[in-house]
Amino acid sequence: MNMHKNTRLTPSLDLNILNGIMRQAVLQQLQTYLGADTIIETHITRDMLERAEKIRLSNALKGVFEADLVY
């Protein structure tokens, strides 16, 4: 997927992820939480995670934080 530098990806809701408070806050304030201009909801594959420069997760307790892909 060829994207602009300030674009981020997030799993789409049809993957049965929780559309929680923190996720909604991140989607509404991309610059604040991710330094991004655009976010794309999509099906994220393992290959995409392996090629990602950074992986970030979020929850209401920890906010947005970096994660590592462990094999």
PDB file of N, CA and C in Angstrom:
ATOM      1  N   MET A   1       0.860  -1.172   0.000  1.00  0.00           N
ATOM      2  CA  MET A   1       0.000   0.000   0.000  1.00  0.00           C
ATOM      3  C   MET A   1       0.905   1.234   0.000  1.00  0.00           C
ATOM      4  N   ASN A   2       0.741   2.078  -0.958  1.00  0.00           N
ATOM      5  CA  ASN A   2       1.540   3.287  -1.069  1.00  0.00           C
ATOM      6  C   ASN A   2       0.769   4.437  -0.435  1.00  0.00           C
ATOM      7  N   MET A   3       1.364   5.042   0.627  1.00  0.00           N
ATOM      8  CA  MET A   3       0.634   6.067   1.365  1.00  0.00           C
ATOM      9  C   MET A   3       1.503   7.289   1.590  1.00  0.00           C
ATOM     10  N   HIS A   4       0.837   8.376   1.865  1.00  0.00           N
ATOM     11  CA  HIS A   4       1.490   9.615   2.266  1.00  0.00           C
ATOM     12  C   HIS A   4       2.121   9.415   3.635  1.00  0.00           C
ATOM     13  N   LYS A   5       3.210  10.106   3.905  1.00  0.00           N
ATOM     14  CA  LYS A   5       3.937   9.939   5.160  1.00  0.00           C
ATOM     15  C   LYS A   5       3.072  10.182   6.396  1.00  0.00           C
ATOM     16  N   ASN A   6       2.128  11.101   6.336  1.00  0.00           N
ATOM     17  CA  ASN A   6       1.300  11.427   7.492  1.00  0.00           C
ATOM     18  C   ASN A   6      -0.028  10.671   7.508  1.00  0.00           C
ATOM     19  N   THR A   7      -0.031   9.459   6.927  1.00  0.00           N
ATOM     20  CA  THR A   7      -1.205   8.610   6.929  1.00  0.00           C
ATOM     21  C   THR A   7      -0.957   7.420   7.841  1.00  0.00           C
ATOM     22  N   ARG A   8      -1.949   7.072   8.628  1.00  0.00           N
ATOM     23  CA  ARG A   8      -1.853   5.920   9.517  1.00  0.00           C
ATOM     24  C   ARG A   8      -2.977   4.942   9.182  1.00  0.00           C
ATOM     25  N   LEU A   9      -2.797   3.686   9.592  1.00  0.00           N
ATOM     26  CA  LEU A   9      -3.799   2.650   9.378  1.00  0.00           C
ATOM     27  C   LEU A   9      -4.369   2.216  10.718  1.00  0.00           C
ATOM     28  N   THR A  10      -5.620   1.830  10.720  1.00  0.00           N
ATOM     29  CA  THR A  10      -6.260   1.256  11.899  1.00  0.00           C
ATOM     30  C   THR A  10      -7.155   0.113  11.443  1.00  0.00           C
ATOM     31  N   PRO A  11      -7.313  -0.913  12.286  1.00  0.00           N
ATOM     32  CA  PRO A  11      -8.212  -2.008  11.892  1.00  0.00           C
ATOM     33  C   PRO A  11      -9.641  -1.509  11.713  1.00  0.00           C
ATOM     34  N   SER A  12     -10.314  -2.052  10.720  1.00  0.00           N
ATOM     35  CA  SER A  12     -11.709  -1.664  10.493  1.00  0.00           C
ATOM     36  C   SER A  12     -12.610  -2.372  11.501  1.00  0.00           C
ATOM     37  N   LEU A  13     -13.734  -1.755  11.795  1.00  0.00           N
ATOM     38  CA  LEU A  13     -14.645  -2.268  12.815  1.00  0.00           C
ATOM     39  C   LEU A  13     -15.273  -3.605  12.441  1.00  0.00           C
ATOM     40  N   ASP A  14     -15.284  -3.954  11.169  1.00  0.00           N
ATOM     41  CA  ASP A  14     -15.859  -5.249  10.794  1.00  0.00           C
ATOM     42  C   ASP A  14     -14.969  -6.420  11.223  1.00  0.00           C
ATOM     43  N   LEU A  15     -13.819  -6.126  11.829  1.00  0.00           N
ATOM     44  CA  LEU A  15     -12.947  -7.158  12.377  1.00  0.00           C
ATOM     45  C   LEU A  15     -13.274  -7.453  13.835  1.00  0.00           C
ATOM     46  N   ASN A  16     -14.398  -6.924  14.298  1.00  0.00           N
ATOM     47  CA  ASN A  16     -14.878  -7.134  15.665  1.00  0.00           C
ATOM     48  C   ASN A  16     -13.937  -6.574  16.723  1.00  0.00           C
ATOM     49  N   ILE A  17     -13.295  -5.441  16.422  1.00  0.00           N
ATOM     50  CA  ILE A  17     -12.490  -4.769  17.436  1.00  0.00           C
ATOM     51  C   ILE A  17     -13.395  -3.845  18.233  1.00  0.00           C
ATOM     52  N   LEU A  18     -12.960  -3.493  19.405  1.00  0.00           N
ATOM     53  CA  LEU A  18     -13.730  -2.613  20.268  1.00  0.00           C
ATOM     54  C   LEU A  18     -13.591  -1.171  19.792  1.00  0.00           C
ATOM     55  N   ASN A  19     -14.698  -0.524  19.533  1.00  0.00           N
ATOM     56  CA  ASN A  19     -14.696   0.886  19.153  1.00  0.00           C
ATOM     57  C   ASN A  19     -14.791   1.710  20.442  1.00  0.00           C
ATOM     58  N   GLY A  20     -13.725   1.613  21.233  1.00  0.00           N
ATOM     59  CA  GLY A  20     -13.718   2.195  22.564  1.00  0.00           C
ATOM     60  C   GLY A  20     -13.496   3.700  22.591  1.00  0.00           C
ATOM     61  N   ILE A  21     -13.503   4.227  23.800  1.00  0.00           N
ATOM     62  CA  ILE A  21     -13.344   5.661  24.027  1.00  0.00           C
ATOM     63  C   ILE A  21     -12.013   6.167  23.500  1.00  0.00           C
ATOM     64  N   MET A  22     -10.934   5.441  23.771  1.00  0.00           N
ATOM     65  CA  MET A  22      -9.615   5.896  23.324  1.00  0.00           C
ATOM     66  C   MET A  22      -9.502   5.847  21.809  1.00  0.00           C
ATOM     67  N   ARG A  23     -10.024   4.807  21.190  1.00  0.00           N
ATOM     68  CA  ARG A  23      -9.988   4.713  19.724  1.00  0.00           C
ATOM     69  C   ARG A  23     -10.729   5.886  19.110  1.00  0.00           C
ATOM     70  N   GLN A  24     -11.881   6.201  19.643  1.00  0.00           N
ATOM     71  CA  GLN A  24     -12.651   7.323  19.122  1.00  0.00           C
ATOM     72  C   GLN A  24     -11.906   8.643  19.304  1.00  0.00           C
ATOM     73  N   ALA A  25     -11.250   8.820  20.448  1.00  0.00           N
ATOM     74  CA  ALA A  25     -10.476  10.047  20.685  1.00  0.00           C
ATOM     75  C   ALA A  25      -9.334  10.162  19.683  1.00  0.00           C
ATOM     76  N   VAL A  26      -8.638   9.060  19.441  1.00  0.00           N
ATOM     77  CA  VAL A  26      -7.528   9.066  18.478  1.00  0.00           C
ATOM     78  C   VAL A  26      -8.038   9.416  17.087  1.00  0.00           C
ATOM     79  N   LEU A  27      -9.149   8.804  16.674  1.00  0.00           N
ATOM     80  CA  LEU A  27      -9.693   9.079  15.345  1.00  0.00           C
ATOM     81  C   LEU A  27     -10.131  10.533  15.186  1.00  0.00           C
ATOM     82  N   GLN A  28     -10.590  11.151  16.261  1.00  0.00           N
ATOM     83  CA  GLN A  28     -11.039  12.547  16.201  1.00  0.00           C
ATOM     84  C   GLN A  28      -9.889  13.547  16.305  1.00  0.00           C
ATOM     85  N   GLN A  29      -8.762  13.127  16.878  1.00  0.00           N
ATOM     86  CA  GLN A  29      -7.630  14.041  17.101  1.00  0.00           C
ATOM     87  C   GLN A  29      -6.332  13.404  16.614  1.00  0.00           C
ATOM     88  N   LEU A  30      -6.267  13.131  15.320  1.00  0.00           N
ATOM     89  CA  LEU A  30      -5.123  12.432  14.738  1.00  0.00           C
ATOM     90  C   LEU A  30      -3.798  13.137  14.982  1.00  0.00           C
ATOM     91  N   GLN A  31      -3.776  14.434  14.811  1.00  0.00           N
ATOM     92  CA  GLN A  31      -2.523  15.184  15.009  1.00  0.00           C
ATOM     93  C   GLN A  31      -2.053  15.074  16.450  1.00  0.00           C
ATOM     94  N   THR A  32      -2.953  15.200  17.389  1.00  0.00           N
ATOM     95  CA  THR A  32      -2.602  15.158  18.809  1.00  0.00           C
ATOM     96  C   THR A  32      -2.020  13.810  19.201  1.00  0.00           C
ATOM     97  N   TYR A  33      -2.673  12.734  18.819  1.00  0.00           N
ATOM     98  CA  TYR A  33      -2.269  11.409  19.273  1.00  0.00           C
ATOM     99  C   TYR A  33      -1.239  10.723  18.386  1.00  0.00           C
ATOM    100  N   LEU A  34      -1.292  10.963  17.074  1.00  0.00           N
ATOM    101  CA  LEU A  34      -0.429  10.227  16.147  1.00  0.00           C
ATOM    102  C   LEU A  34       0.427  11.106  15.252  1.00  0.00           C
ATOM    103  N   GLY A  35       0.232  12.412  15.302  1.00  0.00           N
ATOM    104  CA  GLY A  35       0.967  13.280  14.389  1.00  0.00           C
ATOM    105  C   GLY A  35       0.605  13.002  12.945  1.00  0.00           C
ATOM    106  N   ALA A  36      -0.641  12.594  12.718  1.00  0.00           N
ATOM    107  CA  ALA A  36      -1.079  12.187  11.386  1.00  0.00           C
ATOM    108  C   ALA A  36      -2.131  13.134  10.843  1.00  0.00           C
ATOM    109  N   ASP A  37      -2.208  13.183   9.521  1.00  0.00           N
ATOM    110  CA  ASP A  37      -3.236  13.972   8.836  1.00  0.00           C
ATOM    111  C   ASP A  37      -4.425  13.114   8.432  1.00  0.00           C
ATOM    112  N   THR A  38      -4.155  11.834   8.154  1.00  0.00           N
ATOM    113  CA  THR A  38      -5.172  10.942   7.613  1.00  0.00           C
ATOM    114  C   THR A  38      -5.063   9.569   8.277  1.00  0.00           C
ATOM    115  N   ILE A  39      -6.208   8.930   8.467  1.00  0.00           N
ATOM    116  CA  ILE A  39      -6.215   7.551   8.950  1.00  0.00           C
ATOM    117  C   ILE A  39      -7.119   6.738   8.036  1.00  0.00           C
ATOM    118  N   ILE A  40      -6.688   5.523   7.734  1.00  0.00           N
ATOM    119  CA  ILE A  40      -7.434   4.629   6.857  1.00  0.00           C
ATOM    120  C   ILE A  40      -7.815   3.392   7.651  1.00  0.00           C
ATOM    121  N   GLU A  41      -9.109   3.081   7.671  1.00  0.00           N
ATOM    122  CA  GLU A  41      -9.573   1.846   8.301  1.00  0.00           C
ATOM    123  C   GLU A  41      -9.470   0.732   7.270  1.00  0.00           C
ATOM    124  N   THR A  42      -8.787  -0.354   7.633  1.00  0.00           N
ATOM    125  CA  THR A  42      -8.530  -1.435   6.691  1.00  0.00           C
ATOM    126  C   THR A  42      -8.297  -2.742   7.433  1.00  0.00           C
ATOM    127  N   HIS A  43      -8.176  -3.819   6.691  1.00  0.00           N
ATOM    128  CA  HIS A  43      -7.786  -5.106   7.261  1.00  0.00           C
ATOM    129  C   HIS A  43      -6.259  -5.129   7.303  1.00  0.00           C
ATOM    130  N   ILE A  44      -5.712  -5.137   8.482  1.00  0.00           N
ATOM    131  CA  ILE A  44      -4.259  -5.111   8.655  1.00  0.00           C
ATOM    132  C   ILE A  44      -3.749  -6.541   8.734  1.00  0.00           C
ATOM    133  N   THR A  45      -2.797  -6.862   7.869  1.00  0.00           N
ATOM    134  CA  THR A  45      -2.250  -8.211   7.809  1.00  0.00           C
ATOM    135  C   THR A  45      -0.955  -8.307   8.600  1.00  0.00           C
ATOM    136  N   ARG A  46      -0.529  -9.513   8.870  1.00  0.00           N
ATOM    137  CA  ARG A  46       0.752  -9.730   9.552  1.00  0.00           C
ATOM    138  C   ARG A  46       1.888  -9.152   8.716  1.00  0.00           C
ATOM    139  N   ASP A  47       1.814  -9.324   7.396  1.00  0.00           N
ATOM    140  CA  ASP A  47       2.838  -8.771   6.512  1.00  0.00           C
ATOM    141  C   ASP A  47       2.924  -7.245   6.662  1.00  0.00           C
ATOM    142  N   MET A  48       1.787  -6.597   6.772  1.00  0.00           N
ATOM    143  CA  MET A  48       1.777  -5.141   6.960  1.00  0.00           C
ATOM    144  C   MET A  48       2.444  -4.773   8.287  1.00  0.00           C
ATOM    145  N   LEU A  49       2.161  -5.544   9.334  1.00  0.00           N
ATOM    146  CA  LEU A  49       2.791  -5.281  10.631  1.00  0.00           C
ATOM    147  C   LEU A  49       4.297  -5.494  10.573  1.00  0.00           C
ATOM    148  N   GLU A  50       4.727  -6.526   9.857  1.00  0.00           N
ATOM    149  CA  GLU A  50       6.166  -6.795   9.733  1.00  0.00           C
ATOM    150  C   GLU A  50       6.897  -5.685   8.993  1.00  0.00           C
ATOM    151  N   ARG A  51       6.222  -5.015   8.076  1.00  0.00           N
ATOM    152  CA  ARG A  51       6.846  -3.938   7.302  1.00  0.00           C
ATOM    153  C   ARG A  51       6.649  -2.553   7.919  1.00  0.00           C
ATOM    154  N   ALA A  52       5.869  -2.466   8.984  1.00  0.00           N
ATOM    155  CA  ALA A  52       5.547  -1.171   9.590  1.00  0.00           C
ATOM    156  C   ALA A  52       6.778  -0.537  10.243  1.00  0.00           C
ATOM    157  N   GLU A  53       6.880   0.783  10.090  1.00  0.00           N
ATOM    158  CA  GLU A  53       7.945   1.515  10.773  1.00  0.00           C
ATOM    159  C   GLU A  53       7.703   1.521  12.276  1.00  0.00           C
ATOM    160  N   LYS A  54       6.443   1.695  12.666  1.00  0.00           N
ATOM    161  CA  LYS A  54       6.046   1.685  14.066  1.00  0.00           C
ATOM    162  C   LYS A  54       4.688   1.025  14.187  1.00  0.00           C
ATOM    163  N   ILE A  55       4.483   0.368  15.319  1.00  0.00           N
ATOM    164  CA  ILE A  55       3.177  -0.190  15.644  1.00  0.00           C
ATOM    165  C   ILE A  55       2.734   0.486  16.928  1.00  0.00           C
ATOM    166  N   ARG A  56       1.556   1.068  16.896  1.00  0.00           N
ATOM    167  CA  ARG A  56       1.026   1.726  18.086  1.00  0.00           C
ATOM    168  C   ARG A  56      -0.316   1.109  18.444  1.00  0.00           C
ATOM    169  N   LEU A  57      -0.523   0.957  19.730  1.00  0.00           N
ATOM    170  CA  LEU A  57      -1.791   0.479  20.267  1.00  0.00           C
ATOM    171  C   LEU A  57      -2.330   1.557  21.183  1.00  0.00           C
ATOM    172  N   SER A  58      -3.583   1.415  21.573  1.00  0.00           N
ATOM    173  CA  SER A  58      -4.139   2.384  22.513  1.00  0.00           C
ATOM    174  C   SER A  58      -5.188   1.722  23.386  1.00  0.00           C
ATOM    175  N   ASN A  59      -5.318   2.253  24.585  1.00  0.00           N
ATOM    176  CA  ASN A  59      -6.430   1.899  25.452  1.00  0.00           C
ATOM    177  C   ASN A  59      -6.640   3.042  26.433  1.00  0.00           C
ATOM    178  N   ALA A  60      -7.761   3.036  27.105  1.00  0.00           N
ATOM    179  CA  ALA A  60      -8.130   4.160  27.975  1.00  0.00           C
ATOM    180  C   ALA A  60      -7.190   4.319  29.163  1.00  0.00           C
ATOM    181  N   LEU A  61      -6.549   3.244  29.609  1.00  0.00           N
ATOM    182  CA  LEU A  61      -5.646   3.340  30.753  1.00  0.00           C
ATOM    183  C   LEU A  61      -4.257   3.855  30.384  1.00  0.00           C
ATOM    184  N   LYS A  62      -3.704   3.348  29.272  1.00  0.00           N
ATOM    185  CA  LYS A  62      -2.337   3.698  28.896  1.00  0.00           C
ATOM    186  C   LYS A  62      -2.249   4.775  27.824  1.00  0.00           C
ATOM    187  N   GLY A  63      -3.350   5.096  27.172  1.00  0.00           N
ATOM    188  CA  GLY A  63      -3.297   6.040  26.060  1.00  0.00           C
ATOM    189  C   GLY A  63      -2.748   5.359  24.823  1.00  0.00           C
ATOM    190  N   VAL A  64      -1.947   6.085  24.047  1.00  0.00           N
ATOM    191  CA  VAL A  64      -1.322   5.552  22.839  1.00  0.00           C
ATOM    192  C   VAL A  64       0.111   5.171  23.197  1.00  0.00           C
ATOM    193  N   PHE A  65       0.520   3.949  22.822  1.00  0.00           N
ATOM    194  CA  PHE A  65       1.867   3.485  23.149  1.00  0.00           C
ATOM    195  C   PHE A  65       2.395   2.598  22.031  1.00  0.00           C
ATOM    196  N   GLU A  66       3.726   2.549  21.913  1.00  0.00           N
ATOM    197  CA  GLU A  66       4.350   1.729  20.892  1.00  0.00           C
ATOM    198  C   GLU A  66       4.389   0.273  21.329  1.00  0.00           C
ATOM    199  N   ALA A  67       4.311  -0.613  20.347  1.00  0.00           N
ATOM    200  CA  ALA A  67       4.363  -2.064  20.598  1.00  0.00           C
ATOM    201  C   ALA A  67       5.327  -2.691  19.619  1.00  0.00           C
ATOM    202  N   ASP A  68       5.860  -3.832  19.985  1.00  0.00           N
ATOM    203  CA  ASP A  68       6.749  -4.597  19.114  1.00  0.00           C
ATOM    204  C   ASP A  68       6.055  -5.873  18.673  1.00  0.00           C
ATOM    205  N   LEU A  69       6.322  -6.286  17.454  1.00  0.00           N
ATOM    206  CA  LEU A  69       5.801  -7.539  16.949  1.00  0.00           C
ATOM    207  C   LEU A  69       6.735  -8.648  17.426  1.00  0.00           C
ATOM    208  N   VAL A  70       6.210  -9.596  18.193  1.00  0.00           N
ATOM    209  CA  VAL A  70       7.021 -10.684  18.753  1.00  0.00           C
ATOM    210  C   VAL A  70       6.644 -11.970  18.039  1.00  0.00           C
ATOM    211  N   TYR A  71       7.641 -12.718  17.683  1.00  0.00           N
ATOM    212  CA  TYR A  71       7.416 -13.988  16.951  1.00  0.00           C
ATOM    213  C   TYR A  71       7.436 -15.159  17.898  1.00  0.00           C
TER     214      TYR A  71
END
